[in-house]
């Protein structure tokens, strides 16, 4: 699946079948369900999940918690818009599927 196909899936009202847990978390966040997205990534021990976890806390406005998760992902906190970060995360996961 490519990024544009994933965006089309994000228009559906229910979670599409077959998404990895981390892509499901991004789908849920896109649809406005931050809590459900957070519940998914907080239980996954991986660099990819830590990256999405960091993004979610940044979106929430909890920058100290976000900084912790960016550190766990081996990244610095980005200075780009949240929408750009979401797109970069999705594109990255679609190009190289997450380890979970």
Protein backbone atom coordinates (compact mmCIF):
# COMPACT_ATOMS: atom_id res chain seq x y z
CA UNK A 1 0.00 0.00 0.00
CA UNK A 2 1.26 3.49 -0.73
CA UNK A 3 0.64 6.76 1.13
CA UNK A 4 -2.27 7.87 -1.06
CA UNK A 5 -4.01 4.51 -0.63
CA UNK A 6 -3.54 4.82 3.15
CA UNK A 7 -5.07 8.30 3.07
CA UNK A 8 -8.08 6.85 1.25
CA UNK A 9 -8.41 4.24 4.01
CA UNK A 10 -8.35 7.08 6.54
CA UNK A 11 -11.63 8.30 5.06
CA UNK A 12 -13.42 5.10 6.10
CA UNK A 13 -15.57 5.26 9.20
CA UNK A 14 -14.29 2.02 10.71
CA UNK A 15 -10.77 0.71 11.09
CA UNK A 16 -9.79 -1.18 7.93
CA UNK A 17 -8.84 -4.82 8.27
CA UNK A 18 -5.21 -5.83 7.92
CA UNK A 19 -3.46 -2.71 9.20
CA UNK A 20 -0.45 -3.24 11.42
CA UNK A 21 -1.02 -2.03 14.99
CA UNK A 22 1.12 1.07 14.42
CA UNK A 23 -0.64 2.00 11.16
CA UNK A 24 -3.92 1.43 13.02
CA UNK A 25 -2.72 3.93 15.62
CA UNK A 26 -2.01 6.51 12.91
CA UNK A 27 -5.41 5.79 11.34
CA UNK A 28 -7.11 6.34 14.72
CA UNK A 29 -5.21 9.56 15.28
CA UNK A 30 -6.19 10.79 11.81
CA UNK A 31 -9.81 10.07 12.68
CA UNK A 32 -9.50 12.07 15.92
CA UNK A 33 -9.19 9.21 18.40
CA UNK A 34 -5.95 10.18 20.18
CA UNK A 35 -6.71 7.98 23.21
CA UNK A 36 -7.13 4.78 21.21
CA UNK A 37 -4.00 5.55 19.18
CA UNK A 38 -2.06 6.13 22.38
CA UNK A 39 -3.31 2.88 23.95
CA UNK A 40 -1.91 0.96 20.98
CA UNK A 41 1.58 2.46 20.86
CA UNK A 42 2.17 2.61 24.59
CA UNK A 43 2.14 -1.19 24.71
CA UNK A 44 4.61 -1.76 21.85
CA UNK A 45 8.37 -1.82 22.50
CA UNK A 46 9.92 -0.66 19.23
CA UNK A 47 11.62 2.37 17.73
CA UNK A 48 8.67 2.86 15.38
CA UNK A 49 6.12 2.77 18.19
CA UNK A 50 8.26 5.17 20.21
CA UNK A 51 8.28 7.58 17.26
CA UNK A 52 4.49 7.53 17.03
CA UNK A 53 4.20 7.70 20.82
CA UNK A 54 6.41 10.81 20.79
CA UNK A 55 4.34 12.40 18.02
CA UNK A 56 1.13 11.76 19.97
CA UNK A 57 2.48 13.41 23.12
CA UNK A 58 3.72 16.35 21.06
CA UNK A 59 0.25 16.66 19.56
CA UNK A 60 -1.23 16.50 23.06
CA UNK A 61 1.06 19.36 24.12
CA UNK A 62 2.97 17.27 26.69
CA UNK A 63 6.39 18.25 25.37
CA UNK A 64 8.44 16.79 28.22
CA UNK A 65 6.82 13.38 27.71
CA UNK A 66 7.23 13.78 23.95
CA UNK A 67 10.93 14.54 24.43
CA UNK A 68 11.33 11.32 26.42
CA UNK A 69 9.73 9.25 23.63
CA UNK A 70 11.71 10.99 20.88
CA UNK A 71 14.81 10.10 22.87
CA UNK A 72 13.67 6.46 23.06
CA UNK A 73 13.24 6.55 19.28
CA UNK A 74 16.72 8.03 18.84
CA UNK A 75 15.35 11.26 17.37
CA UNK A 76 15.27 14.93 18.20
CA UNK A 77 11.90 16.62 18.58
CA UNK A 78 11.00 17.96 15.12
CA UNK A 79 10.13 21.58 14.50
CA UNK A 80 7.77 20.87 11.60
CA UNK A 81 3.99 21.00 11.71
CA UNK A 82 2.19 18.03 13.25
CA UNK A 83 0.50 17.22 9.94
CA UNK A 84 3.91 16.99 8.27
CA UNK A 85 5.20 14.71 11.01
CA UNK A 86 2.13 12.44 10.71
CA UNK A 87 2.69 12.21 6.96
CA UNK A 88 6.40 11.44 7.41
CA UNK A 89 5.58 8.70 9.93
CA UNK A 90 2.97 7.15 7.65
CA UNK A 91 5.22 7.32 4.58
CA UNK A 92 8.09 5.78 6.51
CA UNK A 93 5.98 2.90 7.81
CA UNK A 94 4.46 2.22 4.41
CA UNK A 95 7.88 2.22 2.71
CA UNK A 96 9.40 -0.06 5.34
CA UNK A 97 6.74 -1.88 7.37
CA UNK A 98 7.22 -1.63 11.13
CA UNK A 99 8.74 -4.46 13.06
CA UNK A 100 5.39 -4.96 14.84
